[in-house]
Amino acid sequence: MTTSDLFENNGKFDAFVFMGESNRFYFTRFETSFGAVVVTRDKGVFITDFRYETEAQERVKDLDIVISTYSEFFGKIAEVLQAAGAKTVGYEETMSVGEFGEFKAALKEFKLKPAGDIIAAKRAVKTEEEIGFICTAQQIAERALQKAISRVKAGVTERELMAEINYEMIIGGAEKYSFETIVAFGANTAQPHHHPSDKKLDKDELILVDMGAKYNGYCSDMTRTFCIGDPGEQLERVYDIVKEAQEYAIKYIKAGMTCHEADALAREYIIANGYGDNFGHSFGHGVGIDIHEDPRVGASSQIVLRPNMVITAEPGIYIPGLGGVRIEDMLVVKENGVSDITSYEKKLII
């Protein structure tokens, strides 16, 4: 995206200031712990400190670079805005209370308006390059899971399997993990965001893995549920319901549909099969620079799906004391359907 894209249908703004790490990366393709991107109608400016000066000059394209100390930082932002003749300035609502106080004081001559929703909406629709990065991240994650799961046997702990998966992602080309890898065994699989423990895997127990790799700053996200042996009739049936609900939703999701409608496709299938009370989270979410970003694909979301949004499809059923099943793919929304960029097989018994 070009910086001028931000002003489409947003004529009330003369400039935008983005200080959040993810939004800085979005414009600069450069990961930093300090700085701001100021976007005016004529240009973009990246303000950071001396630690990043050399690398920023080499890596940041299409933005002017200004080096600042922290004490001068908010004043530098004001200088850029003054030079552009800006009056109404949009900002993202990610600053701490202390930062916002300094920000308002330095920019007191400007009319400040929240604009986090504008940049979130822009980031929700991916370019072909961004989709390519996400696809590569997903391929890295799938190879890592294939290698790690092939070595699983009774007696391994959740932490050990998590470490195997993380190791395989890093040596397979990931910059880092998209989030803390979730590995759960047995009854722990009924906890959607279980933290891996020293629990050992017993034969006939479920294994749930939720994982993602990060490549060129973009995340992947995938969940698979497995069993070595026989999980029992009820959990086998639950697995089939989750898989069928996901497949049904994937078949019918398309651009122009609201996120509420997409969520309902899977949710109503699960409700019809008697497990509505056991599906307590949203059907999915957007994925990109952050592992969770717009759109939220949930029961209360009226956001309309647009072509090239990347979302997850992750229905789940969780039965306390017994176990849970979640299956998660990543989808690229298209005009008349979706493209599923997750190719890892959906097979319960391994």
Protein backbone atom coordinates (compact mmCIF):
# COMPACT_ATOMS: atom_id res chain seq x y z
CA MET A 1 0.00 0.00 0.00
CA THR A 2 1.11 3.58 -0.62
CA THR A 3 0.78 6.13 2.17
CA SER A 4 -1.73 8.08 0.07
CA ASP A 5 -4.15 5.13 0.29
CA LEU A 6 -4.94 6.14 3.86
CA PHE A 7 -6.69 9.30 2.69
CA GLU A 8 -9.18 7.50 0.45
CA ASN A 9 -12.62 8.18 1.94
CA ASN A 10 -10.89 9.84 4.91
CA GLY A 11 -10.81 13.44 3.72
CA LYS A 12 -11.33 14.83 7.23
CA PHE A 13 -7.72 13.97 8.08
CA ASP A 14 -4.64 15.91 6.98
CA ALA A 15 -2.15 13.45 8.49
CA PHE A 16 -1.79 10.32 10.59
CA VAL A 17 0.67 9.34 13.35
CA PHE A 18 1.33 5.66 14.03
CA MET A 19 3.45 4.69 17.03
CA GLY A 20 2.51 1.05 17.59
CA GLU A 21 5.18 -1.52 16.73
CA SER A 22 3.03 -3.46 14.26
CA ASN A 23 1.92 -0.36 12.37
CA ARG A 24 5.49 0.94 12.23
CA PHE A 25 6.49 -2.38 10.70
CA TYR A 26 3.59 -2.22 8.24
CA PHE A 27 4.95 0.98 6.71
CA THR A 28 8.70 0.39 7.12
CA ARG A 29 9.07 -3.43 6.88
CA PHE A 30 11.59 -2.89 9.64
CA GLU A 31 11.18 -4.13 13.23
CA THR A 32 12.08 -1.52 15.84
CA SER A 33 11.38 -0.96 19.53
CA PHE A 34 11.03 2.81 19.22
CA GLY A 35 9.68 5.28 16.72
CA ALA A 36 6.73 6.64 14.81
CA VAL A 37 5.50 6.84 11.24
CA VAL A 38 3.95 10.16 10.26
CA VAL A 39 1.87 10.05 7.08
CA THR A 40 0.87 13.27 5.34
CA ARG A 41 -0.84 13.73 2.00
CA ASP A 42 2.53 14.25 0.31
CA LYS A 43 4.85 11.79 2.00
CA GLY A 44 5.65 9.46 4.87
CA VAL A 45 8.29 10.07 7.55
CA PHE A 46 9.85 7.46 9.83
CA ILE A 47 11.12 8.90 13.11
CA THR A 48 13.40 6.67 15.20
CA ASP A 49 16.59 6.87 17.27
CA PHE A 50 20.32 6.44 16.62
CA ARG A 51 20.26 2.66 17.27
CA TYR A 52 18.42 2.12 14.00
CA GLU A 53 19.88 4.92 11.88
CA THR A 54 22.20 2.91 9.63
CA GLU A 55 19.85 -0.01 9.13
CA ALA A 56 16.87 2.28 8.54
CA GLN A 57 18.75 4.12 5.80
CA GLU A 58 19.48 0.78 4.13
CA ARG A 59 16.13 -0.93 4.55
CA VAL A 60 13.32 1.61 4.73
CA LYS A 61 12.02 2.56 1.30
CA ASP A 62 9.74 5.43 0.25
CA LEU A 63 9.84 7.16 3.64
CA ASP A 64 11.97 10.06 4.82
CA ILE A 65 14.01 9.19 7.91
CA VAL A 66 14.39 11.48 10.92
CA ILE A 67 16.63 10.56 13.86
CA SER A 68 15.54 11.75 17.28
CA THR A 69 16.30 11.36 20.97
CA TYR A 70 13.41 10.39 23.24
CA SER A 71 13.29 13.86 24.78
CA GLU A 72 12.85 15.38 21.31
CA PHE A 73 10.57 12.66 19.95
CA PHE A 74 7.11 14.24 20.28
CA GLY A 75 8.49 17.59 19.20
CA LYS A 76 9.87 15.99 16.02
CA ILE A 77 6.41 14.61 15.26
CA ALA A 78 4.97 18.10 15.66
CA GLU A 79 7.65 19.56 13.38
CA VAL A 80 6.80 17.14 10.58
CA LEU A 81 3.09 17.92 10.91
CA GLN A 82 3.72 21.68 10.96
CA ALA A 83 5.88 21.45 7.83
CA ALA A 84 3.02 19.65 6.06
CA GLY A 85 0.48 22.26 7.09
CA ALA A 86 -1.63 19.63 8.84
CA LYS A 87 -4.56 20.65 11.02
CA THR A 88 -6.52 17.44 11.73
CA VAL A 89 -4.34 14.50 12.75
CA GLY A 90 -5.38 10.88 13.19
CA TYR A 91 -3.66 8.73 15.79
CA GLU A 92 -3.89 5.09 16.89
CA GLU A 93 -5.18 4.28 20.35
CA THR A 94 -2.21 2.17 21.51
CA MET A 95 -0.27 4.67 23.63
CA SER A 96 0.06 4.45 27.38
CA VAL A 97 -1.61 7.14 29.45
CA GLY A 98 1.77 8.78 30.03
CA GLU A 99 2.69 8.73 26.34
CA PHE A 100 -0.67 10.13 25.34
CA GLY A 101 -0.24 12.99 27.78
CA GLU A 102 3.11 13.90 26.19
CA PHE A 103 1.66 13.41 22.72
CA LYS A 104 -1.27 15.76 23.37
CA ALA A 105 0.97 18.40 24.95
CA ALA A 106 3.39 18.40 22.00
CA LEU A 107 0.56 18.43 19.44
CA LYS A 108 -1.74 20.87 21.22
CA GLU A 109 -2.08 23.07 18.14
CA PHE A 110 -3.56 20.20 16.10
CA LYS A 111 -7.02 18.67 16.19
CA LEU A 112 -6.46 15.05 17.24
CA LYS A 113 -8.87 12.27 16.25
CA PRO A 114 -8.65 8.51 16.92
CA ALA A 115 -7.88 6.61 13.70
CA GLY A 116 -6.96 3.09 14.79
CA ASP A 117 -9.93 1.66 12.93
CA ILE A 118 -8.73 3.20 9.65
CA ILE A 119 -5.31 1.56 9.70
CA ALA A 120 -6.82 -1.71 10.99
CA ALA A 121 -9.19 -1.81 8.02
CA LYS A 122 -6.33 -1.13 5.60
CA ARG A 123 -4.17 -3.86 7.13
CA ALA A 124 -7.04 -6.36 7.04
CA VAL A 125 -6.93 -6.52 3.23
CA LYS A 126 -3.62 -8.06 2.21
CA THR A 127 -1.48 -7.43 -0.85
CA GLU A 128 -0.31 -10.38 -2.93
CA GLU A 129 3.16 -9.93 -1.40
CA GLU A 130 1.74 -10.15 2.12
CA ILE A 131 -0.23 -13.27 1.22
CA GLY A 132 2.96 -14.78 -0.16
CA PHE A 133 4.76 -14.20 3.15
CA ILE A 134 1.88 -15.76 5.08
CA CYS A 135 1.85 -18.79 2.76
CA THR A 136 5.59 -19.28 3.27
CA ALA A 137 5.17 -19.02 7.04
CA GLN A 138 2.43 -21.65 6.85
CA GLN A 139 4.59 -24.00 4.81
CA ILE A 140 7.37 -23.69 7.40
CA ALA A 141 4.92 -24.50 10.18
CA GLU A 142 3.48 -27.51 8.37
CA ARG A 143 6.92 -29.01 7.73
CA ALA A 144 7.82 -28.47 11.37
CA LEU A 145 4.68 -30.17 12.67
CA GLN A 146 5.11 -33.10 10.30
CA LYS A 147 8.63 -33.73 11.58
CA ALA A 148 7.79 -33.26 15.25
CA ILE A 149 4.59 -35.29 15.28
CA SER A 150 6.29 -38.21 13.48
CA ARG A 151 8.49 -38.67 16.56
CA VAL A 152 5.71 -38.51 19.15
CA LYS A 153 5.22 -41.50 21.42
CA ALA A 154 3.71 -42.21 24.82
CA GLY A 155 5.75 -40.69 27.63
CA VAL A 156 6.69 -37.43 25.90
CA THR A 157 5.64 -34.32 27.82
CA GLU A 158 3.69 -31.36 26.50
CA ARG A 159 6.74 -29.13 27.01
CA GLU A 160 8.99 -31.53 25.13
CA LEU A 161 6.69 -31.67 22.12
CA MET A 162 6.36 -27.88 22.17
CA ALA A 163 10.17 -27.58 22.16
CA GLU A 164 10.43 -30.02 19.23
CA ILE A 165 7.91 -28.03 17.20
CA ASN A 166 9.57 -24.70 17.98
CA TYR A 167 13.00 -26.07 17.10
CA GLU A 168 11.78 -27.40 13.77
CA MET A 169 10.14 -24.07 12.91
CA ILE A 170 13.32 -22.09 13.59
CA ILE A 171 15.69 -24.38 11.70
CA GLY A 172 13.09 -24.60 8.94
CA GLY A 173 13.24 -20.87 8.19
CA ALA A 174 10.98 -19.10 10.70
CA GLU A 175 12.20 -15.82 12.21
CA LYS A 176 10.31 -16.64 15.38
CA TYR A 177 7.02 -18.20 16.50
CA SER A 178 3.79 -16.34 15.81
CA PHE A 179 2.77 -16.95 19.44
CA GLU A 180 3.52 -19.34 22.29
CA THR A 181 2.95 -22.79 20.80
CA ILE A 182 0.05 -24.61 22.45
CA VAL A 183 0.46 -28.33 23.13
CA ALA A 184 -2.14 -30.14 25.21
CA PHE A 185 -2.66 -33.82 26.03
CA GLY A 186 -5.72 -35.69 27.28
CA ALA A 187 -8.18 -33.68 29.36
CA ASN A 188 -5.96 -30.61 28.95
CA THR A 189 -7.19 -30.34 25.35
CA ALA A 190 -10.48 -29.02 26.76
CA GLN A 191 -8.61 -25.80 27.66
CA PRO A 192 -8.52 -23.76 24.40
CA HIS A 193 -5.38 -21.81 25.40
CA HIS A 194 -3.67 -24.39 27.59
CA HIS A 195 -0.10 -23.64 28.66
CA PRO A 196 2.15 -26.67 28.01
CA SER A 197 3.07 -28.53 31.18
CA ASP A 198 5.10 -31.56 32.25
CA LYS A 199 2.13 -33.85 31.69
CA LYS A 200 3.18 -37.01 29.89
CA LEU A 201 1.25 -38.43 26.97
CA ASP A 202 -0.61 -41.65 27.61
CA LYS A 203 -1.79 -44.01 24.89
CA ASP A 204 -5.29 -43.25 23.60
CA GLU A 205 -5.11 -39.59 24.69
CA LEU A 206 -5.85 -36.64 22.44
CA ILE A 207 -2.99 -34.36 21.33
CA LEU A 208 -3.89 -30.78 20.40
CA VAL A 209 -1.29 -28.54 18.76
CA ASP A 210 -1.93 -24.85 17.94
CA MET A 211 1.11 -23.24 16.31
CA GLY A 212 2.40 -20.66 13.89
CA ALA A 213 5.62 -19.48 12.29
CA LYS A 214 6.62 -15.93 11.42
CA TYR A 215 8.30 -15.16 8.09
CA ASN A 216 9.30 -11.69 6.84
CA GLY A 217 7.21 -10.25 9.66
CA TYR A 218 4.01 -12.18 8.84
CA CYS A 219 2.33 -14.90 10.90
CA SER A 220 0.78 -18.25 10.19
CA ASP A 221 -1.73 -20.07 12.43
CA MET A 222 -2.81 -23.70 12.43
CA THR A 223 -4.37 -26.20 14.85
CA ARG A 224 -4.56 -29.97 14.52
CA THR A 225 -5.89 -32.60 16.90
CA PHE A 226 -4.45 -36.12 16.92
CA CYS A 227 -4.57 -39.38 18.82
CA ILE A 228 -2.15 -42.28 19.06
CA GLY A 229 -4.50 -45.18 19.63
CA ASP A 230 -8.24 -45.03 20.34
CA PRO A 231 -9.68 -41.80 21.80
CA GLY A 232 -13.08 -43.36 22.40
CA GLU A 233 -16.40 -43.13 20.61
CA GLN A 234 -17.48 -39.73 21.97
CA LEU A 235 -14.26 -37.91 21.07
CA GLU A 236 -14.16 -39.55 17.65
CA ARG A 237 -17.69 -38.23 17.05
CA VAL A 238 -16.71 -34.78 18.34
CA TYR A 239 -13.75 -34.76 15.96
CA ASP A 240 -16.02 -35.57 13.02
CA ILE A 241 -18.48 -32.80 13.98
CA VAL A 242 -15.72 -30.18 14.21
CA LYS A 243 -14.21 -31.28 10.91
CA GLU A 244 -17.59 -31.27 9.16
CA ALA A 245 -18.48 -27.86 10.62
CA GLN A 246 -15.22 -26.39 9.38
CA GLU A 247 -15.59 -27.94 5.93
CA TYR A 248 -19.17 -26.66 5.64
CA ALA A 249 -18.13 -23.12 6.54
CA ILE A 250 -15.13 -23.16 4.20
CA LYS A 251 -17.40 -24.25 1.37
CA TYR A 252 -19.72 -21.24 1.70
CA ILE A 253 -17.65 -18.32 3.03
CA LYS A 254 -17.07 -15.58 0.45
CA ALA A 255 -16.54 -11.84 0.07
CA GLY A 256 -19.61 -9.73 0.87
CA MET A 257 -20.64 -11.95 3.77
CA THR A 258 -20.50 -10.52 7.28
CA CYS A 259 -18.20 -12.10 9.83
CA HIS A 260 -21.31 -12.94 11.86
CA GLU A 261 -22.68 -14.92 8.93
CA ALA A 262 -19.38 -16.75 8.45
CA ASP A 263 -19.26 -17.66 12.14
CA ALA A 264 -22.85 -18.89 12.02
CA LEU A 265 -22.11 -21.41 9.27
CA ALA A 266 -19.95 -23.50 11.62
CA ARG A 267 -21.68 -22.56 14.87
CA GLU A 268 -25.14 -23.62 13.75
CA TYR A 269 -23.78 -26.96 12.56
CA ILE A 270 -22.21 -27.58 15.97
CA ILE A 271 -25.40 -26.45 17.75
CA ALA A 272 -27.47 -28.80 15.59
CA ASN A 273 -25.27 -31.67 16.70
CA GLY A 274 -25.77 -30.91 20.39
CA TYR A 275 -22.51 -29.17 21.30
CA GLY A 276 -23.38 -25.48 21.03
CA ASP A 277 -22.51 -24.84 24.68
CA ASN A 278 -19.07 -26.36 24.11
CA PHE A 279 -18.00 -23.92 21.37
CA GLY A 280 -17.20 -20.80 23.34
CA HIS A 281 -14.89 -18.80 21.10
CA SER A 282 -15.15 -17.10 17.72
CA PHE A 283 -14.95 -19.07 14.48
CA GLY A 284 -11.84 -17.16 13.46
CA HIS A 285 -9.83 -13.97 13.19
CA GLY A 286 -7.63 -12.04 10.81
CA VAL A 287 -3.93 -12.92 10.55
CA GLY A 288 -1.04 -10.81 9.31
CA ILE A 289 1.72 -8.93 11.09
CA ASP A 290 -0.13 -9.77 14.31
CA ILE A 291 -1.52 -13.18 15.04
CA HIS A 292 -4.88 -11.59 15.90
CA GLU A 293 -5.96 -8.62 13.83
CA ASP A 294 -9.06 -7.47 11.97
CA PRO A 295 -11.45 -8.89 11.07
CA ARG A 296 -12.76 -10.75 14.11
CA VAL A 297 -14.90 -13.55 12.68
CA GLY A 298 -17.31 -13.94 15.55
CA ALA A 299 -21.00 -14.04 16.39
CA SER A 300 -21.22 -10.31 17.15
CA SER A 301 -19.06 -9.00 14.30
CA GLN A 302 -20.75 -7.15 11.45
CA ILE A 303 -17.50 -6.50 9.54
CA VAL A 304 -17.99 -7.43 5.88
CA LEU A 305 -15.45 -9.85 4.43
CA ARG A 306 -13.49 -8.40 1.52
CA PRO A 307 -11.28 -10.06 -1.11
CA ASN A 308 -7.73 -10.74 0.11
CA MET A 309 -8.58 -10.73 3.78
CA VAL A 310 -6.74 -13.62 5.46
CA ILE A 311 -8.77 -15.28 8.21
CA THR A 312 -8.66 -18.44 10.27
CA ALA A 313 -11.35 -21.11 10.33
CA GLU A 314 -11.09 -22.74 13.76
CA PRO A 315 -14.26 -24.24 15.21
CA GLY A 316 -13.81 -26.28 18.37
CA ILE A 317 -15.69 -28.38 20.90
CA TYR A 318 -14.37 -28.61 24.48
CA ILE A 319 -15.70 -31.03 27.10
CA PRO A 320 -14.22 -30.42 30.57
CA GLY A 321 -12.71 -33.52 32.13
CA LEU A 322 -12.73 -35.41 28.82
CA GLY A 323 -10.99 -33.40 26.11
CA GLY A 324 -11.38 -30.98 23.27
CA VAL A 325 -11.01 -30.84 19.52
CA ARG A 326 -10.06 -27.82 17.42
CA ILE A 327 -9.14 -27.80 13.72
CA GLU A 328 -7.78 -24.58 12.25
CA ASP A 329 -6.92 -23.56 8.68
CA MET A 330 -6.07 -20.17 7.17
CA LEU A 331 -8.23 -18.88 4.34
CA VAL A 332 -7.78 -16.12 1.77
CA VAL A 333 -11.19 -14.58 1.07
CA LYS A 334 -12.10 -14.37 -2.63
CA GLU A 335 -15.05 -12.89 -4.52
CA ASN A 336 -16.83 -16.23 -4.87
CA GLY A 337 -15.34 -18.31 -2.08
CA VAL A 338 -12.05 -18.79 -0.27
CA SER A 339 -8.63 -20.25 -0.96
CA ASP A 340 -7.49 -22.58 1.83
CA ILE A 341 -3.74 -22.08 2.24
CA THR A 342 -3.41 -24.83 4.85
CA SER A 343 -2.60 -28.19 3.33
CA TYR A 344 -1.77 -30.26 6.45
CA GLU A 345 -4.00 -33.31 6.53
CA LYS A 346 -6.95 -33.58 8.92
CA LYS A 347 -6.56 -37.03 10.38
CA LEU A 348 -7.38 -37.93 13.97
CA ILE A 349 -5.61 -41.27 14.36
CA ILE A 350 -1.83 -41.24 13.75
